[in-house]
């Protein structure tokens, strides 16, 4: 079984003979299937209605239990979080620019007011959001492509 599942994807998994598979945790079962035949059966798993989060994947073949972890990610929610973090970086950059010009001593960002913050605290806050953006980009599989054009 895959360790990382994106909500909405479909994939085929071959369920061994006389095997029950469960994806879930203590309170929620995301997926369950039982193959009662004596042959391996390919099953198409549709993840459209899966819940986002970390779950346990249990394979029970005639009492032989194998357990592993699976993470289900909603690619749309991670992009919303990424956009929010990028917006915060832009707004903090604006505050830093205004502070450098001594143009403002108070600003409101996302319903939070920053009053006479030191440059060190603003730079620290910006660094925190940059780390968050980098983490989200890595998690959601977003990548940056750089193309170099060379003259003749």
Protein backbone atom coordinates (compact mmCIF):
# COMPACT_ATOMS: atom_id res chain seq x y z
CA UNK A 1 0.00 0.00 0.00
CA UNK A 2 1.10 3.53 -0.69
CA UNK A 3 2.42 5.59 2.24
CA UNK A 4 1.08 8.84 0.77
CA UNK A 5 -2.40 9.12 -0.75
CA UNK A 6 -3.80 12.26 -2.35
CA UNK A 7 -7.51 12.72 -1.77
CA UNK A 8 -9.37 12.28 -5.05
CA UNK A 9 -6.98 9.84 -6.73
CA UNK A 10 -7.86 6.30 -7.77
CA UNK A 11 -5.37 3.47 -7.58
CA UNK A 12 -5.45 -0.30 -7.91
CA UNK A 13 -4.39 -2.54 -5.05
CA UNK A 14 -4.20 -6.32 -5.24
CA UNK A 15 -5.82 -7.77 -2.14
CA UNK A 16 -4.42 -11.21 -1.30
CA UNK A 17 -6.78 -14.19 -0.92
CA UNK A 18 -8.74 -14.39 2.36
CA UNK A 19 -7.61 -10.92 3.43
CA UNK A 20 -9.31 -7.96 5.06
CA UNK A 21 -7.83 -4.47 4.73
CA UNK A 22 -8.76 -1.47 6.85
CA UNK A 23 -7.52 2.13 6.65
CA UNK A 24 -8.47 4.14 9.71
CA UNK A 25 -7.74 5.09 13.28
CA UNK A 26 -9.36 4.56 16.67
CA UNK A 27 -12.41 6.66 15.82
CA UNK A 28 -12.70 6.64 12.01
CA UNK A 29 -12.59 3.96 9.33
CA UNK A 30 -11.72 5.58 6.01
CA UNK A 31 -11.75 2.40 3.89
CA UNK A 32 -12.51 -1.26 4.44
CA UNK A 33 -12.51 -4.23 2.06
CA UNK A 34 -12.57 -7.99 2.58
CA UNK A 35 -11.52 -10.53 -0.05
CA UNK A 36 -13.18 -13.83 0.91
CA UNK A 37 -12.13 -15.63 -2.26
CA UNK A 38 -9.21 -18.03 -2.59
CA UNK A 39 -7.51 -15.87 -5.25
CA UNK A 40 -5.84 -12.47 -5.19
CA UNK A 41 -8.28 -9.76 -6.26
CA UNK A 42 -7.40 -6.37 -7.78
CA UNK A 43 -9.45 -3.58 -6.21
CA UNK A 44 -9.74 0.00 -7.45
CA UNK A 45 -9.64 2.29 -4.42
CA UNK A 46 -11.36 5.65 -4.97
CA UNK A 47 -10.13 8.21 -2.44
CA UNK A 48 -12.60 10.97 -3.30
CA UNK A 49 -14.41 10.72 0.05
CA UNK A 50 -11.35 9.95 2.18
CA UNK A 51 -10.72 12.11 5.22
CA UNK A 52 -7.42 14.01 5.41
CA UNK A 53 -4.94 12.95 8.08
CA UNK A 54 -2.62 10.19 9.31
CA UNK A 55 -4.12 6.71 9.51
CA UNK A 56 -3.13 3.11 10.10
CA UNK A 57 -3.32 0.56 7.32
CA UNK A 58 -4.09 -2.97 8.60
CA UNK A 59 -3.87 -6.12 6.45
CA UNK A 60 -5.30 -9.24 8.10
CA UNK A 61 -4.62 -12.44 6.12
CA UNK A 62 -5.99 -15.44 8.04
CA UNK A 63 -4.83 -13.95 11.35
CA UNK A 64 -1.43 -12.77 10.07
CA UNK A 65 -1.60 -9.02 10.67
CA UNK A 66 0.60 -6.40 9.01
CA UNK A 67 0.35 -2.78 10.12
CA UNK A 68 1.72 0.33 8.43
CA UNK A 69 1.06 4.06 8.34
CA UNK A 70 -0.55 6.04 5.55
CA UNK A 71 -0.97 9.79 5.17
CA UNK A 72 -3.94 11.18 3.25
CA UNK A 73 -3.45 14.70 1.90
CA UNK A 74 -6.03 17.02 0.39
CA UNK A 75 -3.98 18.90 -2.24
CA UNK A 76 -6.46 21.79 -2.30
CA UNK A 77 -6.24 22.51 1.43
CA UNK A 78 -2.46 22.60 1.38
CA UNK A 79 -2.54 25.11 -1.50
CA UNK A 80 -4.94 27.36 0.48
CA UNK A 81 -2.57 27.26 3.46
CA UNK A 82 0.35 27.97 1.14
CA UNK A 83 -1.39 31.00 -0.39
CA UNK A 84 -2.19 32.35 3.09
CA UNK A 85 1.46 32.02 4.13
CA UNK A 86 2.67 33.71 0.93
CA UNK A 87 0.24 36.59 1.56
CA UNK A 88 1.59 36.98 5.09
CA UNK A 89 5.18 37.19 3.77
CA UNK A 90 4.17 39.92 1.29
CA UNK A 91 2.41 41.90 4.02
CA UNK A 92 5.35 41.57 6.42
CA UNK A 93 7.68 42.72 3.63
CA UNK A 94 5.47 45.79 3.20
CA UNK A 95 5.67 46.53 6.94
CA UNK A 96 9.46 46.16 6.83
CA UNK A 97 9.68 48.49 3.84
CA UNK A 98 7.44 51.07 5.54
CA UNK A 99 9.45 50.83 8.78
CA UNK A 100 12.65 51.38 6.82
CA UNK A 101 11.06 54.58 5.47
CA UNK A 102 9.68 55.47 8.94
CA UNK A 103 6.29 55.78 7.26
CA UNK A 104 4.19 53.73 9.63
CA UNK A 105 4.19 52.68 13.25
CA UNK A 106 1.09 50.47 13.20
CA UNK A 107 -0.43 48.09 10.65
CA UNK A 108 -3.13 45.41 10.65
CA UNK A 109 -2.43 42.07 8.94
CA UNK A 110 -5.15 39.40 8.84
CA UNK A 111 -6.99 41.01 11.77
CA UNK A 112 -3.75 41.19 13.79
CA UNK A 113 -2.30 44.59 14.65
CA UNK A 114 1.45 45.11 14.85
CA UNK A 115 2.39 48.25 16.76
CA UNK A 116 5.98 49.51 16.83
CA UNK A 117 7.42 46.05 16.42
CA UNK A 118 11.17 45.89 16.34
CA UNK A 119 12.79 45.08 13.04
CA UNK A 120 14.23 41.93 14.62
CA UNK A 121 10.76 40.64 15.56
CA UNK A 122 9.40 41.39 12.08
CA UNK A 123 12.33 39.63 10.42
CA UNK A 124 11.84 36.70 12.79
CA UNK A 125 8.12 36.57 11.96
CA UNK A 126 8.92 36.68 8.24
CA UNK A 127 11.46 33.85 8.62
CA UNK A 128 8.82 31.75 10.36
CA UNK A 129 6.41 32.17 7.43
CA UNK A 130 9.18 31.46 4.90
CA UNK A 131 9.89 28.15 6.69
CA UNK A 132 6.16 27.37 6.63
CA UNK A 133 5.97 28.07 2.88
CA UNK A 134 8.99 25.85 2.23
CA UNK A 135 7.47 23.04 4.33
CA UNK A 136 4.13 23.33 2.50
CA UNK A 137 5.79 23.36 -0.91
CA UNK A 138 7.69 20.22 -0.03
CA UNK A 139 4.58 18.51 1.39
CA UNK A 140 2.26 19.32 -1.48
CA UNK A 141 4.73 18.42 -4.21
CA UNK A 142 4.82 21.95 -5.65
CA UNK A 143 8.09 22.57 -7.40
CA UNK A 144 9.80 25.52 -8.97
CA UNK A 145 11.18 25.21 -12.48
CA UNK A 146 14.01 27.42 -13.65
CA UNK A 147 14.72 27.77 -17.37
CA UNK A 148 17.99 29.25 -18.54
CA UNK A 149 18.21 30.70 -22.04
CA UNK A 150 21.69 30.96 -23.50
CA UNK A 151 22.61 33.14 -26.44
CA UNK A 152 24.29 31.82 -29.56
